Amino acid sequence: MDGQEIKVGDRIRFPDGHTGVVVASMDTDQYSPQNPREQWSYLRRGIMVDTTFGGLVHYTDMSVDTFELVARGDAP
């Protein structure tokens, strides 16, 4: 990422072309209705992404080469 805060609902693209939607951000304490705080807050940091290549994946490394923002989503 380029320093922008990642938010629930954001659509992202990975270097290999796969995409995903951010469904939880432990860093900002935001969670989608389908992925509530009670389910994921134990991870303490990072984001949960619903990916096209493997379902839900937890990321703690949000460096510029991990993925790029495709579109802002609407937070729940």
PDB file of N, CA and C in Angstrom:
ATOM      1  N   MET A   1       0.853  -1.178   0.000  1.00  0.00           N
ATOM      2  CA  MET A   1       0.000   0.000   0.000  1.00  0.00           C
ATOM      3  C   MET A   1       0.891   1.232   0.000  1.00  0.00           C
ATOM      4  N   ASP A   2       0.285   2.353  -0.248  1.00  0.00           N
ATOM      5  CA  ASP A   2       1.048   3.596  -0.375  1.00  0.00           C
ATOM      6  C   ASP A   2       0.890   4.505   0.838  1.00  0.00           C
ATOM      7  N   GLY A   3       0.624   3.935   1.990  1.00  0.00           N
ATOM      8  CA  GLY A   3       0.484   4.725   3.199  1.00  0.00           C
ATOM      9  C   GLY A   3      -0.948   5.082   3.557  1.00  0.00           C
ATOM     10  N   GLN A   4      -1.893   4.789   2.681  1.00  0.00           N
ATOM     11  CA  GLN A   4      -3.294   5.046   2.986  1.00  0.00           C
ATOM     12  C   GLN A   4      -3.785   4.038   4.023  1.00  0.00           C
ATOM     13  N   GLU A   5      -4.674   4.499   4.893  1.00  0.00           N
ATOM     14  CA  GLU A   5      -5.257   3.592   5.869  1.00  0.00           C
ATOM     15  C   GLU A   5      -6.187   2.618   5.157  1.00  0.00           C
ATOM     16  N   ILE A   6      -6.051   1.349   5.468  1.00  0.00           N
ATOM     17  CA  ILE A   6      -6.888   0.318   4.880  1.00  0.00           C
ATOM     18  C   ILE A   6      -8.167   0.229   5.699  1.00  0.00           C
ATOM     19  N   LYS A   7      -9.298   0.172   4.997  1.00  0.00           N
ATOM     20  CA  LYS A   7     -10.591   0.142   5.667  1.00  0.00           C
ATOM     21  C   LYS A   7     -11.404  -1.072   5.228  1.00  0.00           C
ATOM     22  N   VAL A   8     -12.315  -1.478   6.097  1.00  0.00           N
ATOM     23  CA  VAL A   8     -13.226  -2.573   5.756  1.00  0.00           C
ATOM     24  C   VAL A   8     -14.021  -2.180   4.516  1.00  0.00           C
ATOM     25  N   GLY A   9     -14.114  -3.105   3.580  1.00  0.00           N
ATOM     26  CA  GLY A   9     -14.824  -2.871   2.332  1.00  0.00           C
ATOM     27  C   GLY A   9     -13.906  -2.505   1.178  1.00  0.00           C
ATOM     28  N   ASP A  10     -12.661  -2.116   1.469  1.00  0.00           N
ATOM     29  CA  ASP A  10     -11.716  -1.778   0.398  1.00  0.00           C
ATOM     30  C   ASP A  10     -11.440  -2.995  -0.468  1.00  0.00           C
ATOM     31  N   ARG A  11     -11.368  -2.762  -1.774  1.00  0.00           N
ATOM     32  CA  ARG A  11     -10.989  -3.823  -2.711  1.00  0.00           C
ATOM     33  C   ARG A  11      -9.516  -3.653  -3.042  1.00  0.00           C
ATOM     34  N   ILE A  12      -8.777  -4.752  -3.005  1.00  0.00           N
ATOM     35  CA  ILE A  12      -7.337  -4.712  -3.239  1.00  0.00           C
ATOM     36  C   ILE A  12      -6.942  -5.719  -4.307  1.00  0.00           C
ATOM     37  N   ARG A  13      -5.767  -5.487  -4.914  1.00  0.00           N
ATOM     38  CA  ARG A  13      -5.228  -6.398  -5.924  1.00  0.00           C
ATOM     39  C   ARG A  13      -3.821  -6.801  -5.490  1.00  0.00           C
ATOM     40  N   PHE A  14      -3.535  -8.080  -5.647  1.00  0.00           N
ATOM     41  CA  PHE A  14      -2.225  -8.619  -5.320  1.00  0.00           C
ATOM     42  C   PHE A  14      -1.340  -8.594  -6.558  1.00  0.00           C
ATOM     43  N   PRO A  15      -0.022  -8.650  -6.403  1.00  0.00           N
ATOM     44  CA  PRO A  15       0.882  -8.600  -7.559  1.00  0.00           C
ATOM     45  C   PRO A  15       0.604  -9.670  -8.610  1.00  0.00           C
ATOM     46  N   ASP A  16       0.061 -10.817  -8.211  1.00  0.00           N
ATOM     47  CA  ASP A  16      -0.205 -11.881  -9.179  1.00  0.00           C
ATOM     48  C   ASP A  16      -1.537 -11.716  -9.906  1.00  0.00           C
ATOM     49  N   GLY A  17      -2.272 -10.629  -9.619  1.00  0.00           N
ATOM     50  CA  GLY A  17      -3.529 -10.357 -10.296  1.00  0.00           C
ATOM     51  C   GLY A  17      -4.772 -10.749  -9.524  1.00  0.00           C
ATOM     52  N   HIS A  18      -4.627 -11.569  -8.497  1.00  0.00           N
ATOM     53  CA  HIS A  18      -5.776 -11.923  -7.665  1.00  0.00           C
ATOM     54  C   HIS A  18      -6.267 -10.687  -6.928  1.00  0.00           C
ATOM     55  N   THR A  19      -7.505 -10.747  -6.488  1.00  0.00           N
ATOM     56  CA  THR A  19      -8.096  -9.615  -5.777  1.00  0.00           C
ATOM     57  C   THR A  19      -8.685 -10.084  -4.450  1.00  0.00           C
ATOM     58  N   GLY A  20      -9.129  -9.119  -3.666  1.00  0.00           N
ATOM     59  CA  GLY A  20      -9.761  -9.441  -2.396  1.00  0.00           C
ATOM     60  C   GLY A  20     -10.482  -8.231  -1.837  1.00  0.00           C
ATOM     61  N   VAL A  21     -11.281  -8.479  -0.815  1.00  0.00           N
ATOM     62  CA  VAL A  21     -12.008  -7.426  -0.120  1.00  0.00           C
ATOM     63  C   VAL A  21     -11.641  -7.498   1.359  1.00  0.00           C
ATOM     64  N   VAL A  22     -11.319  -6.368   1.941  1.00  0.00           N
ATOM     65  CA  VAL A  22     -10.988  -6.305   3.361  1.00  0.00           C
ATOM     66  C   VAL A  22     -12.272  -6.487   4.162  1.00  0.00           C
ATOM     67  N   VAL A  23     -12.308  -7.514   5.013  1.00  0.00           N
ATOM     68  CA  VAL A  23     -13.515  -7.801   5.793  1.00  0.00           C
ATOM     69  C   VAL A  23     -13.338  -7.513   7.282  1.00  0.00           C
ATOM     70  N   ALA A  24     -12.096  -7.269   7.713  1.00  0.00           N
ATOM     71  CA  ALA A  24     -11.842  -6.907   9.097  1.00  0.00           C
ATOM     72  C   ALA A  24     -10.492  -6.207   9.184  1.00  0.00           C
ATOM     73  N   SER A  25     -10.417  -5.216  10.063  1.00  0.00           N
ATOM     74  CA  SER A  25      -9.147  -4.549  10.343  1.00  0.00           C
ATOM     75  C   SER A  25      -8.965  -4.499  11.852  1.00  0.00           C
ATOM     76  N   MET A  26      -8.072  -5.332  12.344  1.00  0.00           N
ATOM     77  CA  MET A  26      -7.778  -5.330  13.759  1.00  0.00           C
ATOM     78  C   MET A  26      -7.040  -4.041  14.138  1.00  0.00           C
ATOM     79  N   ASP A  27      -6.311  -3.464  13.182  1.00  0.00           N
ATOM     80  CA  ASP A  27      -5.570  -2.224  13.440  1.00  0.00           C
ATOM     81  C   ASP A  27      -6.492  -1.051  13.730  1.00  0.00           C
ATOM     82  N   THR A  28      -7.647  -0.992  13.061  1.00  0.00           N
ATOM     83  CA  THR A  28      -8.577   0.129  13.256  1.00  0.00           C
ATOM     84  C   THR A  28      -9.833  -0.282  14.014  1.00  0.00           C
ATOM     85  N   ASP A  29      -9.899  -1.551  14.418  1.00  0.00           N
ATOM     86  CA  ASP A  29     -11.051  -2.091  15.149  1.00  0.00           C
ATOM     87  C   ASP A  29     -12.339  -1.973  14.342  1.00  0.00           C
ATOM     88  N   GLN A  30     -12.240  -2.273  13.038  1.00  0.00           N
ATOM     89  CA  GLN A  30     -13.399  -2.296  12.136  1.00  0.00           C
ATOM     90  C   GLN A  30     -13.637  -3.729  11.686  1.00  0.00           C
ATOM     91  N   TYR A  31     -14.911  -4.130  11.681  1.00  0.00           N
ATOM     92  CA  TYR A  31     -15.259  -5.490  11.300  1.00  0.00           C
ATOM     93  C   TYR A  31     -16.544  -5.458  10.485  1.00  0.00           C
ATOM     94  N   SER A  32     -16.617  -6.293   9.450  1.00  0.00           N
ATOM     95  CA  SER A  32     -17.848  -6.400   8.680  1.00  0.00           C
ATOM     96  C   SER A  32     -18.863  -7.213   9.487  1.00  0.00           C
ATOM     97  N   PRO A  33     -20.132  -7.071   9.175  1.00  0.00           N
ATOM     98  CA  PRO A  33     -21.149  -7.845   9.898  1.00  0.00           C
ATOM     99  C   PRO A  33     -20.929  -9.365   9.799  1.00  0.00           C
ATOM    100  N   GLN A  34     -20.406  -9.828   8.676  1.00  0.00           N
ATOM    101  CA  GLN A  34     -20.171 -11.261   8.482  1.00  0.00           C
ATOM    102  C   GLN A  34     -18.909 -11.749   9.185  1.00  0.00           C
ATOM    103  N   ASN A  35     -18.058 -10.819   9.615  1.00  0.00           N
ATOM    104  CA  ASN A  35     -16.790 -11.148  10.275  1.00  0.00           C
ATOM    105  C   ASN A  35     -16.647 -10.288  11.520  1.00  0.00           C
ATOM    106  N   PRO A  36     -17.408 -10.584  12.565  1.00  0.00           N
ATOM    107  CA  PRO A  36     -17.478  -9.721  13.744  1.00  0.00           C
ATOM    108  C   PRO A  36     -16.210  -9.706  14.600  1.00  0.00           C
ATOM    109  N   ARG A  37     -16.109  -8.672  15.399  1.00  0.00           N
ATOM    110  CA  ARG A  37     -14.991  -8.474  16.323  1.00  0.00           C
ATOM    111  C   ARG A  37     -14.753  -9.734  17.165  1.00  0.00           C
ATOM    112  N   GLU A  38     -15.815 -10.343  17.653  1.00  0.00           N
ATOM    113  CA  GLU A  38     -15.694 -11.522  18.513  1.00  0.00           C
ATOM    114  C   GLU A  38     -14.975 -12.679  17.814  1.00  0.00           C
ATOM    115  N   GLN A  39     -15.042 -12.703  16.514  1.00  0.00           N
ATOM    116  CA  GLN A  39     -14.429 -13.783  15.744  1.00  0.00           C
ATOM    117  C   GLN A  39     -12.941 -13.552  15.489  1.00  0.00           C
ATOM    118  N   TRP A  40     -12.530 -12.282  15.283  1.00  0.00           N
ATOM    119  CA  TRP A  40     -11.166 -12.031  14.807  1.00  0.00           C
ATOM    120  C   TRP A  40     -10.303 -11.137  15.683  1.00  0.00           C
ATOM    121  N   SER A  41     -10.831 -10.489  16.702  1.00  0.00           N
ATOM    122  CA  SER A  41     -10.025  -9.533  17.478  1.00  0.00           C
ATOM    123  C   SER A  41      -8.846 -10.187  18.194  1.00  0.00           C
ATOM    124  N   TYR A  42      -8.909 -11.501  18.418  1.00  0.00           N
ATOM    125  CA  TYR A  42      -7.788 -12.180  19.076  1.00  0.00           C
ATOM    126  C   TYR A  42      -6.492 -12.063  18.262  1.00  0.00           C
ATOM    127  N   LEU A  43      -6.609 -11.772  16.969  1.00  0.00           N
ATOM    128  CA  LEU A  43      -5.419 -11.635  16.119  1.00  0.00           C
ATOM    129  C   LEU A  43      -4.632 -10.366  16.439  1.00  0.00           C
ATOM    130  N   ARG A  44      -5.279  -9.410  17.067  1.00  0.00           N
ATOM    131  CA  ARG A  44      -4.693  -8.176  17.605  1.00  0.00           C
ATOM    132  C   ARG A  44      -4.227  -7.147  16.584  1.00  0.00           C
ATOM    133  N   ARG A  45      -3.651  -7.566  15.466  1.00  0.00           N
ATOM    134  CA  ARG A  45      -3.205  -6.578  14.472  1.00  0.00           C
ATOM    135  C   ARG A  45      -3.332  -7.140  13.068  1.00  0.00           C
ATOM    136  N   GLY A  46      -3.308  -6.231  12.098  1.00  0.00           N
ATOM    137  CA  GLY A  46      -3.405  -6.643  10.709  1.00  0.00           C
ATOM    138  C   GLY A  46      -4.818  -6.510  10.164  1.00  0.00           C
ATOM    139  N   ILE A  47      -5.024  -7.158   9.020  1.00  0.00           N
ATOM    140  CA  ILE A  47      -6.332  -7.147   8.356  1.00  0.00           C
ATOM    141  C   ILE A  47      -6.689  -8.562   7.922  1.00  0.00           C
ATOM    142  N   MET A  48      -7.988  -8.807   7.755  1.00  0.00           N
ATOM    143  CA  MET A  48      -8.482 -10.058   7.203  1.00  0.00           C
ATOM    144  C   MET A  48      -9.055  -9.738   5.828  1.00  0.00           C
ATOM    145  N   VAL A  49      -8.611 -10.496   4.821  1.00  0.00           N
ATOM    146  CA  VAL A  49      -9.029 -10.255   3.445  1.00  0.00           C
ATOM    147  C   VAL A  49      -9.708 -11.501   2.899  1.00  0.00           C
ATOM    148  N   ASP A  50     -10.869 -11.310   2.292  1.00  0.00           N
ATOM    149  CA  ASP A  50     -11.550 -12.394   1.587  1.00  0.00           C
ATOM    150  C   ASP A  50     -10.988 -12.395   0.171  1.00  0.00           C
ATOM    151  N   THR A  51     -10.095 -13.333  -0.112  1.00  0.00           N
ATOM    152  CA  THR A  51      -9.346 -13.351  -1.365  1.00  0.00           C
ATOM    153  C   THR A  51      -9.997 -14.237  -2.416  1.00  0.00           C
ATOM    154  N   THR A  52      -9.654 -13.976  -3.681  1.00  0.00           N
ATOM    155  CA  THR A  52     -10.134 -14.814  -4.775  1.00  0.00           C
ATOM    156  C   THR A  52      -9.311 -16.092  -4.908  1.00  0.00           C
ATOM    157  N   PHE A  53      -8.176 -16.168  -4.219  1.00  0.00           N
ATOM    158  CA  PHE A  53      -7.324 -17.343  -4.363  1.00  0.00           C
ATOM    159  C   PHE A  53      -7.378 -18.301  -3.187  1.00  0.00           C
ATOM    160  N   GLY A  54      -7.952 -17.880  -2.061  1.00  0.00           N
ATOM    161  CA  GLY A  54      -7.927 -18.802  -0.924  1.00  0.00           C
ATOM    162  C   GLY A  54      -8.872 -18.463   0.208  1.00  0.00           C
ATOM    163  N   GLY A  55      -9.908 -17.722  -0.069  1.00  0.00           N
ATOM    164  CA  GLY A  55     -10.839 -17.374   0.998  1.00  0.00           C
ATOM    165  C   GLY A  55     -10.234 -16.359   1.951  1.00  0.00           C
ATOM    166  N   LEU A  56     -10.502 -16.521   3.237  1.00  0.00           N
ATOM    167  CA  LEU A  56     -10.038 -15.558   4.228  1.00  0.00           C
ATOM    168  C   LEU A  56      -8.556 -15.745   4.524  1.00  0.00           C
ATOM    169  N   VAL A  57      -7.810 -14.644   4.415  1.00  0.00           N
ATOM    170  CA  VAL A  57      -6.376 -14.656   4.691  1.00  0.00           C
ATOM    171  C   VAL A  57      -6.053 -13.460   5.575  1.00  0.00           C
ATOM    172  N   HIS A  58      -5.272 -13.721   6.641  1.00  0.00           N
ATOM    173  CA  HIS A  58      -4.865 -12.677   7.579  1.00  0.00           C
ATOM    174  C   HIS A  58      -3.507 -12.112   7.152  1.00  0.00           C
ATOM    175  N   TYR A  59      -3.428 -10.777   7.059  1.00  0.00           N
ATOM    176  CA  TYR A  59      -2.182 -10.108   6.678  1.00  0.00           C
ATOM    177  C   TYR A  59      -1.744  -9.151   7.775  1.00  0.00           C
ATOM    178  N   THR A  60      -0.473  -9.192   8.097  1.00  0.00           N
ATOM    179  CA  THR A  60       0.099  -8.207   9.018  1.00  0.00           C
ATOM    180  C   THR A  60       1.103  -7.313   8.304  1.00  0.00           C
ATOM    181  N   ASP A  61       1.555  -7.733   7.127  1.00  0.00           N
ATOM    182  CA  ASP A  61       2.499  -6.942   6.330  1.00  0.00           C
ATOM    183  C   ASP A  61       1.733  -6.215   5.241  1.00  0.00           C
ATOM    184  N   MET A  62       1.629  -4.901   5.380  1.00  0.00           N
ATOM    185  CA  MET A  62       0.931  -4.107   4.380  1.00  0.00           C
ATOM    186  C   MET A  62       1.912  -3.192   3.638  1.00  0.00           C
ATOM    187  N   SER A  63       3.069  -3.728   3.283  1.00  0.00           N
ATOM    188  CA  SER A  63       4.052  -2.936   2.557  1.00  0.00           C
ATOM    189  C   SER A  63       3.562  -2.677   1.131  1.00  0.00           C
ATOM    190  N   VAL A  64       4.209  -1.746   0.477  1.00  0.00           N
ATOM    191  CA  VAL A  64       3.768  -1.289  -0.838  1.00  0.00           C
ATOM    192  C   VAL A  64       3.712  -2.411  -1.874  1.00  0.00           C
ATOM    193  N   ASP A  65       4.514  -3.467  -1.713  1.00  0.00           N
ATOM    194  CA  ASP A  65       4.513  -4.539  -2.713  1.00  0.00           C
ATOM    195  C   ASP A  65       3.609  -5.722  -2.342  1.00  0.00           C
ATOM    196  N   THR A  66       2.888  -5.636  -1.230  1.00  0.00           N
ATOM    197  CA  THR A  66       1.992  -6.721  -0.830  1.00  0.00           C
ATOM    198  C   THR A  66       0.713  -6.700  -1.656  1.00  0.00           C
ATOM    199  N   PHE A  67       0.106  -5.525  -1.808  1.00  0.00           N
ATOM    200  CA  PHE A  67      -1.091  -5.351  -2.618  1.00  0.00           C
ATOM    201  C   PHE A  67      -1.331  -3.879  -2.855  1.00  0.00           C
ATOM    202  N   GLU A  68      -2.257  -3.582  -3.786  1.00  0.00           N
ATOM    203  CA  GLU A  68      -2.594  -2.193  -4.081  1.00  0.00           C
ATOM    204  C   GLU A  68      -4.095  -1.974  -3.921  1.00  0.00           C
ATOM    205  N   LEU A  69      -4.460  -0.770  -3.578  1.00  0.00           N
ATOM    206  CA  LEU A  69      -5.862  -0.405  -3.440  1.00  0.00           C
ATOM    207  C   LEU A  69      -6.473  -0.270  -4.823  1.00  0.00           C
ATOM    208  N   VAL A  70      -7.570  -0.985  -5.064  1.00  0.00           N
ATOM    209  CA  VAL A  70      -8.298  -0.908  -6.336  1.00  0.00           C
ATOM    210  C   VAL A  70      -9.436   0.085  -6.196  1.00  0.00           C
ATOM    211  N   ALA A  71     -10.188  -0.023  -5.101  1.00  0.00           N
ATOM    212  CA  ALA A  71     -11.331   0.869  -4.880  1.00  0.00           C
ATOM    213  C   ALA A  71     -11.660   0.907  -3.402  1.00  0.00           C
ATOM    214  N   ARG A  72     -12.092   2.075  -2.974  1.00  0.00           N
ATOM    215  CA  ARG A  72     -12.576   2.216  -1.602  1.00  0.00           C
ATOM    216  C   ARG A  72     -13.935   1.579  -1.495  1.00  0.00           C
ATOM    217  N   GLY A  73     -14.160   0.879  -0.406  1.00  0.00           N
ATOM    218  CA  GLY A  73     -15.474   0.278  -0.158  1.00  0.00           C
ATOM    219  C   GLY A  73     -16.196   1.068   0.891  1.00  0.00           C
ATOM    220  N   ASP A  74     -17.404   0.654   1.158  1.00  0.00           N
ATOM    221  CA  ASP A  74     -18.187   1.281   2.205  1.00  0.00           C
ATOM    222  C   ASP A  74     -18.059   0.455   3.462  1.00  0.00           C
ATOM    223  N   ALA A  75     -17.602   1.079   4.524  1.00  0.00           N
ATOM    224  CA  ALA A  75     -17.506   0.382   5.809  1.00  0.00           C
ATOM    225  C   ALA A  75     -18.906   0.089   6.321  1.00  0.00           C
ATOM    226  N   PRO A  76     -19.041  -0.983   7.085  1.00  0.00           N
ATOM    227  CA  PRO A  76     -20.361  -1.346   7.612  1.00  0.00           C
ATOM    228  C   PRO A  76     -20.889  -0.301   8.569  1.00  0.00           C
TER     229      PRO A  76
END
